[in-house]
């Protein structure tokens, strides 16, 4: 994935949940997206479109997704890497 492109971040849940919220941090751990609702694609599949900017730096971007199922909070962390052209 390259800087100045759109990154589609997808997730799927096995349980019925409320809308998941996504947080994205840059390589310096600055929050770029803070607890934004993801979009329902189908069934229990959700996605978020992150538009990287030309001002973003190359490196590893953190992703945290949180959702609620009944009395439980589900949390998952992952990452994606952006590089220069």
PDB file of N, CA and C in Angstrom:
ATOM      1  N   UNK A   1       0.843  -1.159   0.000  1.00  0.00           N
ATOM      2  CA  UNK A   1       0.000   0.000   0.000  1.00  0.00           C
ATOM      3  C   UNK A   1       0.896   1.232   0.000  1.00  0.00           C
ATOM      4  N   UNK A   2       0.444   2.218  -0.711  1.00  0.00           N
ATOM      5  CA  UNK A   2       1.247   3.416  -0.864  1.00  0.00           C
ATOM      6  C   UNK A   2       0.590   4.639  -0.237  1.00  0.00           C
ATOM      7  N   UNK A   3       1.430   5.602   0.131  1.00  0.00           N
ATOM      8  CA  UNK A   3       0.939   6.878   0.626  1.00  0.00           C
ATOM      9  C   UNK A   3       0.067   7.509  -0.460  1.00  0.00           C
ATOM     10  N   UNK A   4      -0.964   8.211  -0.080  1.00  0.00           N
ATOM     11  CA  UNK A   4      -1.936   8.876  -0.974  1.00  0.00           C
ATOM     12  C   UNK A   4      -2.888   7.897  -1.647  1.00  0.00           C
ATOM     13  N   UNK A   5      -3.109   6.744  -1.047  1.00  0.00           N
ATOM     14  CA  UNK A   5      -4.086   5.792  -1.565  1.00  0.00           C
ATOM     15  C   UNK A   5      -5.136   5.498  -0.498  1.00  0.00           C
ATOM     16  N   UNK A   6      -6.215   4.851  -0.916  1.00  0.00           N
ATOM     17  CA  UNK A   6      -7.263   4.455   0.016  1.00  0.00           C
ATOM     18  C   UNK A   6      -6.998   3.034   0.489  1.00  0.00           C
ATOM     19  N   UNK A   7      -7.085   2.829   1.788  1.00  0.00           N
ATOM     20  CA  UNK A   7      -6.875   1.512   2.391  1.00  0.00           C
ATOM     21  C   UNK A   7      -8.223   1.030   2.914  1.00  0.00           C
ATOM     22  N   UNK A   8      -8.661  -0.149   2.451  1.00  0.00           N
ATOM     23  CA  UNK A   8      -9.908  -0.730   2.946  1.00  0.00           C
ATOM     24  C   UNK A   8      -9.563  -1.708   4.063  1.00  0.00           C
ATOM     25  N   UNK A   9     -10.038  -1.414   5.254  1.00  0.00           N
ATOM     26  CA  UNK A   9      -9.787  -2.248   6.429  1.00  0.00           C
ATOM     27  C   UNK A   9     -11.071  -3.017   6.712  1.00  0.00           C
ATOM     28  N   UNK A  10     -10.972  -4.349   6.701  1.00  0.00           N
ATOM     29  CA  UNK A  10     -12.151  -5.198   6.873  1.00  0.00           C
ATOM     30  C   UNK A  10     -12.017  -6.047   8.127  1.00  0.00           C
ATOM     31  N   UNK A  11     -13.166  -6.360   8.715  1.00  0.00           N
ATOM     32  CA  UNK A  11     -13.194  -7.273   9.850  1.00  0.00           C
ATOM     33  C   UNK A  11     -14.508  -8.045   9.829  1.00  0.00           C
ATOM     34  N   UNK A  12     -14.495  -9.207  10.450  1.00  0.00           N
ATOM     35  CA  UNK A  12     -15.700 -10.026  10.544  1.00  0.00           C
ATOM     36  C   UNK A  12     -15.805 -10.561  11.966  1.00  0.00           C
ATOM     37  N   UNK A  13     -17.019 -10.573  12.488  1.00  0.00           N
ATOM     38  CA  UNK A  13     -17.265 -11.048  13.839  1.00  0.00           C
ATOM     39  C   UNK A  13     -18.108 -12.308  13.804  1.00  0.00           C
ATOM     40  N   UNK A  14     -17.837 -13.219  14.722  1.00  0.00           N
ATOM     41  CA  UNK A  14     -18.634 -14.442  14.804  1.00  0.00           C
ATOM     42  C   UNK A  14     -19.871 -14.235  15.676  1.00  0.00           C
ATOM     43  N   UNK A  15     -19.856 -13.201  16.499  1.00  0.00           N
ATOM     44  CA  UNK A  15     -20.992 -12.897  17.387  1.00  0.00           C
ATOM     45  C   UNK A  15     -21.765 -11.698  16.847  1.00  0.00           C
ATOM     46  N   UNK A  16     -23.001 -11.559  17.290  1.00  0.00           N
ATOM     47  CA  UNK A  16     -23.780 -10.375  16.965  1.00  0.00           C
ATOM     48  C   UNK A  16     -23.240  -9.232  17.814  1.00  0.00           C
ATOM     49  N   UNK A  17     -22.930  -8.132  17.174  1.00  0.00           N
ATOM     50  CA  UNK A  17     -22.311  -7.005  17.868  1.00  0.00           C
ATOM     51  C   UNK A  17     -23.037  -5.709  17.554  1.00  0.00           C
ATOM     52  N   UNK A  18     -22.722  -4.673  18.336  1.00  0.00           N
ATOM     53  CA  UNK A  18     -23.104  -3.327  17.942  1.00  0.00           C
ATOM     54  C   UNK A  18     -22.028  -2.862  16.973  1.00  0.00           C
ATOM     55  N   UNK A  19     -22.257  -1.755  16.299  1.00  0.00           N
ATOM     56  CA  UNK A  19     -21.296  -1.286  15.303  1.00  0.00           C
ATOM     57  C   UNK A  19     -19.896  -1.157  15.895  1.00  0.00           C
ATOM     58  N   UNK A  20     -18.918  -1.739  15.229  1.00  0.00           N
ATOM     59  CA  UNK A  20     -17.542  -1.634  15.726  1.00  0.00           C
ATOM     60  C   UNK A  20     -16.983  -0.235  15.480  1.00  0.00           C
ATOM     61  N   UNK A  21     -16.086   0.159  16.361  1.00  0.00           N
ATOM     62  CA  UNK A  21     -15.412   1.451  16.252  1.00  0.00           C
ATOM     63  C   UNK A  21     -13.946   1.211  15.945  1.00  0.00           C
ATOM     64  N   UNK A  22     -13.390   2.013  15.046  1.00  0.00           N
ATOM     65  CA  UNK A  22     -12.001   1.847  14.629  1.00  0.00           C
ATOM     66  C   UNK A  22     -11.175   3.049  15.047  1.00  0.00           C
ATOM     67  N   UNK A  23      -9.951   2.782  15.488  1.00  0.00           N
ATOM     68  CA  UNK A  23      -8.967   3.814  15.793  1.00  0.00           C
ATOM     69  C   UNK A  23      -7.714   3.478  14.993  1.00  0.00           C
ATOM     70  N   UNK A  24      -7.144   4.488  14.339  1.00  0.00           N
ATOM     71  CA  UNK A  24      -5.936   4.294  13.533  1.00  0.00           C
ATOM     72  C   UNK A  24      -4.876   5.270  14.018  1.00  0.00           C
ATOM     73  N   UNK A  25      -3.649   4.762  14.217  1.00  0.00           N
ATOM     74  CA  UNK A  25      -2.522   5.598  14.620  1.00  0.00           C
ATOM     75  C   UNK A  25      -1.425   5.523  13.562  1.00  0.00           C
ATOM     76  N   UNK A  26      -0.662   6.610  13.445  1.00  0.00           N
ATOM     77  CA  UNK A  26       0.445   6.629  12.479  1.00  0.00           C
ATOM     78  C   UNK A  26       1.688   5.988  13.099  1.00  0.00           C
ATOM     79  N   UNK A  27       2.793   5.904  12.355  1.00  0.00           N
ATOM     80  CA  UNK A  27       4.000   5.272  12.896  1.00  0.00           C
ATOM     81  C   UNK A  27       4.544   5.920  14.171  1.00  0.00           C
ATOM     82  N   UNK A  28       4.207   7.202  14.401  1.00  0.00           N
ATOM     83  CA  UNK A  28       4.642   7.878  15.624  1.00  0.00           C
ATOM     84  C   UNK A  28       3.590   7.794  16.728  1.00  0.00           C
ATOM     85  N   UNK A  29       2.559   6.976  16.509  1.00  0.00           N
ATOM     86  CA  UNK A  29       1.468   6.729  17.453  1.00  0.00           C
ATOM     87  C   UNK A  29       0.550   7.937  17.667  1.00  0.00           C
ATOM     88  N   UNK A  30       0.521   8.852  16.699  1.00  0.00           N
ATOM     89  CA  UNK A  30      -0.464   9.930  16.703  1.00  0.00           C
ATOM     90  C   UNK A  30      -1.785   9.361  16.209  1.00  0.00           C
ATOM     91  N   UNK A  31      -2.877   9.704  16.872  1.00  0.00           N
ATOM     92  CA  UNK A  31      -4.193   9.203  16.483  1.00  0.00           C
ATOM     93  C   UNK A  31      -4.685   9.968  15.256  1.00  0.00           C
ATOM     94  N   UNK A  32      -4.985   9.229  14.178  1.00  0.00           N
ATOM     95  CA  UNK A  32      -5.495   9.819  12.945  1.00  0.00           C
ATOM     96  C   UNK A  32      -7.008   9.651  12.830  1.00  0.00           C
ATOM     97  N   UNK A  33      -7.503   8.522  13.311  1.00  0.00           N
ATOM     98  CA  UNK A  33      -8.930   8.199  13.320  1.00  0.00           C
ATOM     99  C   UNK A  33      -9.227   7.742  14.742  1.00  0.00           C
ATOM    100  N   UNK A  34     -10.216   8.342  15.380  1.00  0.00           N
ATOM    101  CA  UNK A  34     -10.445   8.062  16.799  1.00  0.00           C
ATOM    102  C   UNK A  34     -11.868   7.581  17.062  1.00  0.00           C
ATOM    103  N   UNK A  35     -12.043   6.271  17.155  1.00  0.00           N
ATOM    104  CA  UNK A  35     -13.330   5.698  17.531  1.00  0.00           C
ATOM    105  C   UNK A  35     -14.446   5.982  16.547  1.00  0.00           C
ATOM    106  N   UNK A  36     -14.174   5.834  15.258  1.00  0.00           N
ATOM    107  CA  UNK A  36     -15.159   6.083  14.216  1.00  0.00           C
ATOM    108  C   UNK A  36     -15.893   4.779  13.875  1.00  0.00           C
ATOM    109  N   UNK A  37     -17.198   4.856  13.669  1.00  0.00           N
ATOM    110  CA  UNK A  37     -17.996   3.658  13.346  1.00  0.00           C
ATOM    111  C   UNK A  37     -17.601   3.101  11.985  1.00  0.00           C
ATOM    112  N   UNK A  38     -17.492   1.786  11.931  1.00  0.00           N
ATOM    113  CA  UNK A  38     -17.226   1.100  10.669  1.00  0.00           C
ATOM    114  C   UNK A  38     -18.549   0.885   9.927  1.00  0.00           C
ATOM    115  N   UNK A  39     -18.465   0.557   8.637  1.00  0.00           N
ATOM    116  CA  UNK A  39     -19.646   0.401   7.790  1.00  0.00           C
ATOM    117  C   UNK A  39     -19.974  -1.083   7.642  1.00  0.00           C
ATOM    118  N   UNK A  40     -21.254  -1.428   7.796  1.00  0.00           N
ATOM    119  CA  UNK A  40     -21.705  -2.802   7.621  1.00  0.00           C
ATOM    120  C   UNK A  40     -21.659  -3.157   6.146  1.00  0.00           C
ATOM    121  N   UNK A  41     -20.932  -4.245   5.820  1.00  0.00           N
ATOM    122  CA  UNK A  41     -20.860  -4.697   4.430  1.00  0.00           C
ATOM    123  C   UNK A  41     -21.922  -5.762   4.178  1.00  0.00           C
ATOM    124  N   UNK A  42     -21.928  -6.809   4.991  1.00  0.00           N
ATOM    125  CA  UNK A  42     -22.964  -7.842   4.932  1.00  0.00           C
ATOM    126  C   UNK A  42     -22.809  -8.752   6.135  1.00  0.00           C
ATOM    127  N   UNK A  43     -23.934  -9.283   6.612  1.00  0.00           N
ATOM    128  CA  UNK A  43     -23.874 -10.193   7.761  1.00  0.00           C
ATOM    129  C   UNK A  43     -23.171  -9.550   8.938  1.00  0.00           C
ATOM    130  N   UNK A  44     -22.038 -10.130   9.330  1.00  0.00           N
ATOM    131  CA  UNK A  44     -21.226  -9.607  10.431  1.00  0.00           C
ATOM    132  C   UNK A  44     -19.906  -9.038   9.926  1.00  0.00           C
ATOM    133  N   UNK A  45     -19.855  -8.652   8.644  1.00  0.00           N
ATOM    134  CA  UNK A  45     -18.646  -8.086   8.047  1.00  0.00           C
ATOM    135  C   UNK A  45     -18.752  -6.562   7.995  1.00  0.00           C
ATOM    136  N   UNK A  46     -17.693  -5.912   8.437  1.00  0.00           N
ATOM    137  CA  UNK A  46     -17.639  -4.456   8.477  1.00  0.00           C
ATOM    138  C   UNK A  46     -16.359  -3.980   7.804  1.00  0.00           C
ATOM    139  N   UNK A  47     -16.377  -2.715   7.338  1.00  0.00           N
ATOM    140  CA  UNK A  47     -15.168  -2.147   6.750  1.00  0.00           C
ATOM    141  C   UNK A  47     -15.071  -0.655   7.048  1.00  0.00           C
ATOM    142  N   UNK A  48     -13.863  -0.138   6.841  1.00  0.00           N
ATOM    143  CA  UNK A  48     -13.617   1.297   6.961  1.00  0.00           C
ATOM    144  C   UNK A  48     -12.646   1.677   5.852  1.00  0.00           C
ATOM    145  N   UNK A  49     -12.900   2.782   5.174  1.00  0.00           N
ATOM    146  CA  UNK A  49     -11.998   3.274   4.131  1.00  0.00           C
ATOM    147  C   UNK A  49     -11.150   4.400   4.712  1.00  0.00           C
ATOM    148  N   UNK A  50      -9.858   4.152   4.772  1.00  0.00           N
ATOM    149  CA  UNK A  50      -8.905   5.147   5.286  1.00  0.00           C
ATOM    150  C   UNK A  50      -8.189   5.766   4.098  1.00  0.00           C
ATOM    151  N   UNK A  51      -8.321   7.065   3.940  1.00  0.00           N
ATOM    152  CA  UNK A  51      -7.639   7.774   2.854  1.00  0.00           C
ATOM    153  C   UNK A  51      -6.318   8.323   3.373  1.00  0.00           C
ATOM    154  N   UNK A  52      -5.223   7.716   2.959  1.00  0.00           N
ATOM    155  CA  UNK A  52      -3.920   8.242   3.366  1.00  0.00           C
ATOM    156  C   UNK A  52      -3.606   9.482   2.537  1.00  0.00           C
ATOM    157  N   UNK A  53      -2.864  10.388   3.118  1.00  0.00           N
ATOM    158  CA  UNK A  53      -2.549  11.666   2.486  1.00  0.00           C
ATOM    159  C   UNK A  53      -1.087  11.716   2.071  1.00  0.00           C
ATOM    160  N   UNK A  54      -0.765  12.611   1.191  1.00  0.00           N
ATOM    161  CA  UNK A  54       0.627  12.761   0.751  1.00  0.00           C
ATOM    162  C   UNK A  54       1.517  13.226   1.902  1.00  0.00           C
ATOM    163  N   UNK A  55       0.922  13.808   2.936  1.00  0.00           N
ATOM    164  CA  UNK A  55       1.691  14.268   4.094  1.00  0.00           C
ATOM    165  C   UNK A  55       1.954  13.158   5.113  1.00  0.00           C
ATOM    166  N   UNK A  56       1.315  12.006   4.951  1.00  0.00           N
ATOM    167  CA  UNK A  56       1.569  10.879   5.855  1.00  0.00           C
ATOM    168  C   UNK A  56       2.949  10.300   5.588  1.00  0.00           C
ATOM    169  N   UNK A  57       3.526   9.722   6.615  1.00  0.00           N
ATOM    170  CA  UNK A  57       4.856   9.134   6.478  1.00  0.00           C
ATOM    171  C   UNK A  57       4.758   7.644   6.197  1.00  0.00           C
ATOM    172  N   UNK A  58       5.782   7.125   5.560  1.00  0.00           N
ATOM    173  CA  UNK A  58       5.858   5.685   5.323  1.00  0.00           C
ATOM    174  C   UNK A  58       6.076   4.987   6.660  1.00  0.00           C
ATOM    175  N   UNK A  59       5.528   3.786   6.788  1.00  0.00           N
ATOM    176  CA  UNK A  59       5.729   3.019   8.012  1.00  0.00           C
ATOM    177  C   UNK A  59       4.500   2.217   8.398  1.00  0.00           C
ATOM    178  N   UNK A  60       4.546   1.741   9.620  1.00  0.00           N
ATOM    179  CA  UNK A  60       3.511   0.852  10.160  1.00  0.00           C
ATOM    180  C   UNK A  60       2.432   1.665  10.875  1.00  0.00           C
ATOM    181  N   UNK A  61       1.182   1.487  10.449  1.00  0.00           N
ATOM    182  CA  UNK A  61       0.031   2.178  11.022  1.00  0.00           C
ATOM    183  C   UNK A  61      -0.763   1.192  11.879  1.00  0.00           C
ATOM    184  N   UNK A  62      -1.057   1.583  13.111  1.00  0.00           N
ATOM    185  CA  UNK A  62      -1.791   0.723  14.028  1.00  0.00           C
ATOM    186  C   UNK A  62      -3.290   0.827  13.820  1.00  0.00           C
ATOM    187  N   UNK A  63      -3.960  -0.300  13.997  1.00  0.00           N
ATOM    188  CA  UNK A  63      -5.419  -0.362  13.890  1.00  0.00           C
ATOM    189  C   UNK A  63      -5.953  -1.061  15.134  1.00  0.00           C
ATOM    190  N   UNK A  64      -6.938  -0.441  15.778  1.00  0.00           N
ATOM    191  CA  UNK A  64      -7.636  -1.097  16.888  1.00  0.00           C
ATOM    192  C   UNK A  64      -9.128  -1.021  16.611  1.00  0.00           C
ATOM    193  N   UNK A  65      -9.795  -2.161  16.712  1.00  0.00           N
ATOM    194  CA  UNK A  65     -11.234  -2.237  16.488  1.00  0.00           C
ATOM    195  C   UNK A  65     -11.881  -2.741  17.780  1.00  0.00           C
ATOM    196  N   UNK A  66     -12.910  -2.016  18.231  1.00  0.00           N
ATOM    197  CA  UNK A  66     -13.645  -2.396  19.441  1.00  0.00           C
ATOM    198  C   UNK A  66     -15.125  -2.498  19.105  1.00  0.00           C
ATOM    199  N   UNK A  67     -15.771  -3.515  19.679  1.00  0.00           N
ATOM    200  CA  UNK A  67     -17.208  -3.697  19.486  1.00  0.00           C
ATOM    201  C   UNK A  67     -17.786  -4.295  20.761  1.00  0.00           C
ATOM    202  N   UNK A  68     -19.092  -4.138  20.918  1.00  0.00           N
ATOM    203  CA  UNK A  68     -19.781  -4.667  22.091  1.00  0.00           C
ATOM    204  C   UNK A  68     -20.724  -5.784  21.671  1.00  0.00           C
ATOM    205  N   UNK A  69     -20.680  -6.876  22.425  1.00  0.00           N
ATOM    206  CA  UNK A  69     -21.601  -7.988  22.241  1.00  0.00           C
ATOM    207  C   UNK A  69     -22.185  -8.310  23.603  1.00  0.00           C
ATOM    208  N   UNK A  70     -23.441  -7.924  23.814  1.00  0.00           N
ATOM    209  CA  UNK A  70     -24.045  -8.115  25.133  1.00  0.00           C
ATOM    210  C   UNK A  70     -23.291  -7.326  26.180  1.00  0.00           C
ATOM    211  N   UNK A  71     -22.802  -8.011  27.212  1.00  0.00           N
ATOM    212  CA  UNK A  71     -22.052  -7.364  28.287  1.00  0.00           C
ATOM    213  C   UNK A  71     -20.552  -7.341  28.032  1.00  0.00           C
ATOM    214  N   UNK A  72     -20.121  -7.857  26.879  1.00  0.00           N
ATOM    215  CA  UNK A  72     -18.700  -8.003  26.601  1.00  0.00           C
ATOM    216  C   UNK A  72     -18.221  -6.998  25.554  1.00  0.00           C
ATOM    217  N   UNK A  73     -16.985  -6.541  25.728  1.00  0.00           N
ATOM    218  CA  UNK A  73     -16.340  -5.706  24.729  1.00  0.00           C
ATOM    219  C   UNK A  73     -15.288  -6.542  24.028  1.00  0.00           C
ATOM    220  N   UNK A  74     -15.354  -6.552  22.707  1.00  0.00           N
ATOM    221  CA  UNK A  74     -14.395  -7.285  21.879  1.00  0.00           C
ATOM    222  C   UNK A  74     -13.405  -6.266  21.352  1.00  0.00           C
ATOM    223  N   UNK A  75     -12.113  -6.562  21.464  1.00  0.00           N
ATOM    224  CA  UNK A  75     -11.083  -5.651  20.995  1.00  0.00           C
ATOM    225  C   UNK A  75     -10.037  -6.428  20.218  1.00  0.00           C
ATOM    226  N   UNK A  76      -9.598  -5.872  19.101  1.00  0.00           N
ATOM    227  CA  UNK A  76      -8.573  -6.523  18.286  1.00  0.00           C
ATOM    228  C   UNK A  76      -7.629  -5.460  17.747  1.00  0.00           C
ATOM    229  N   UNK A  77      -6.343  -5.788  17.708  1.00  0.00           N
ATOM    230  CA  UNK A  77      -5.339  -4.867  17.185  1.00  0.00           C
ATOM    231  C   UNK A  77      -4.642  -5.515  15.991  1.00  0.00           C
ATOM    232  N   UNK A  78      -4.305  -4.673  15.021  1.00  0.00           N
ATOM    233  CA  UNK A  78      -3.602  -5.124  13.823  1.00  0.00           C
ATOM    234  C   UNK A  78      -2.825  -3.932  13.276  1.00  0.00           C
ATOM    235  N   UNK A  79      -2.278  -4.069  12.093  1.00  0.00           N
ATOM    236  CA  UNK A  79      -1.536  -2.963  11.495  1.00  0.00           C
ATOM    237  C   UNK A  79      -1.548  -3.112   9.982  1.00  0.00           C
ATOM    238  N   UNK A  80      -1.208  -2.040   9.292  1.00  0.00           N
ATOM    239  CA  UNK A  80      -0.921  -2.070   7.868  1.00  0.00           C
ATOM    240  C   UNK A  80       0.268  -1.165   7.631  1.00  0.00           C
ATOM    241  N   UNK A  81       0.952  -1.370   6.536  1.00  0.00           N
ATOM    242  CA  UNK A  81       2.153  -0.616   6.232  1.00  0.00           C
ATOM    243  C   UNK A  81       1.957   0.225   4.979  1.00  0.00           C
ATOM    244  N   UNK A  82       2.304   1.488   5.066  1.00  0.00           N
ATOM    245  CA  UNK A  82       2.308   2.368   3.911  1.00  0.00           C
ATOM    246  C   UNK A  82       3.746   2.635   3.499  1.00  0.00           C
ATOM    247  N   UNK A  83       3.973   2.641   2.205  1.00  0.00           N
ATOM    248  CA  UNK A  83       5.318   2.931   1.717  1.00  0.00           C
ATOM    249  C   UNK A  83       5.259   4.013   0.653  1.00  0.00           C
ATOM    250  N   UNK A  84       6.412   4.599   0.376  1.00  0.00           N
ATOM    251  CA  UNK A  84       6.508   5.601  -0.681  1.00  0.00           C
ATOM    252  C   UNK A  84       6.410   4.888  -2.020  1.00  0.00           C
ATOM    253  N   UNK A  85       6.113   5.644  -3.047  1.00  0.00           N
ATOM    254  CA  UNK A  85       5.994   5.064  -4.388  1.00  0.00           C
ATOM    255  C   UNK A  85       7.287   4.430  -4.816  1.00  0.00           C
TER     256      UNK A  85
END
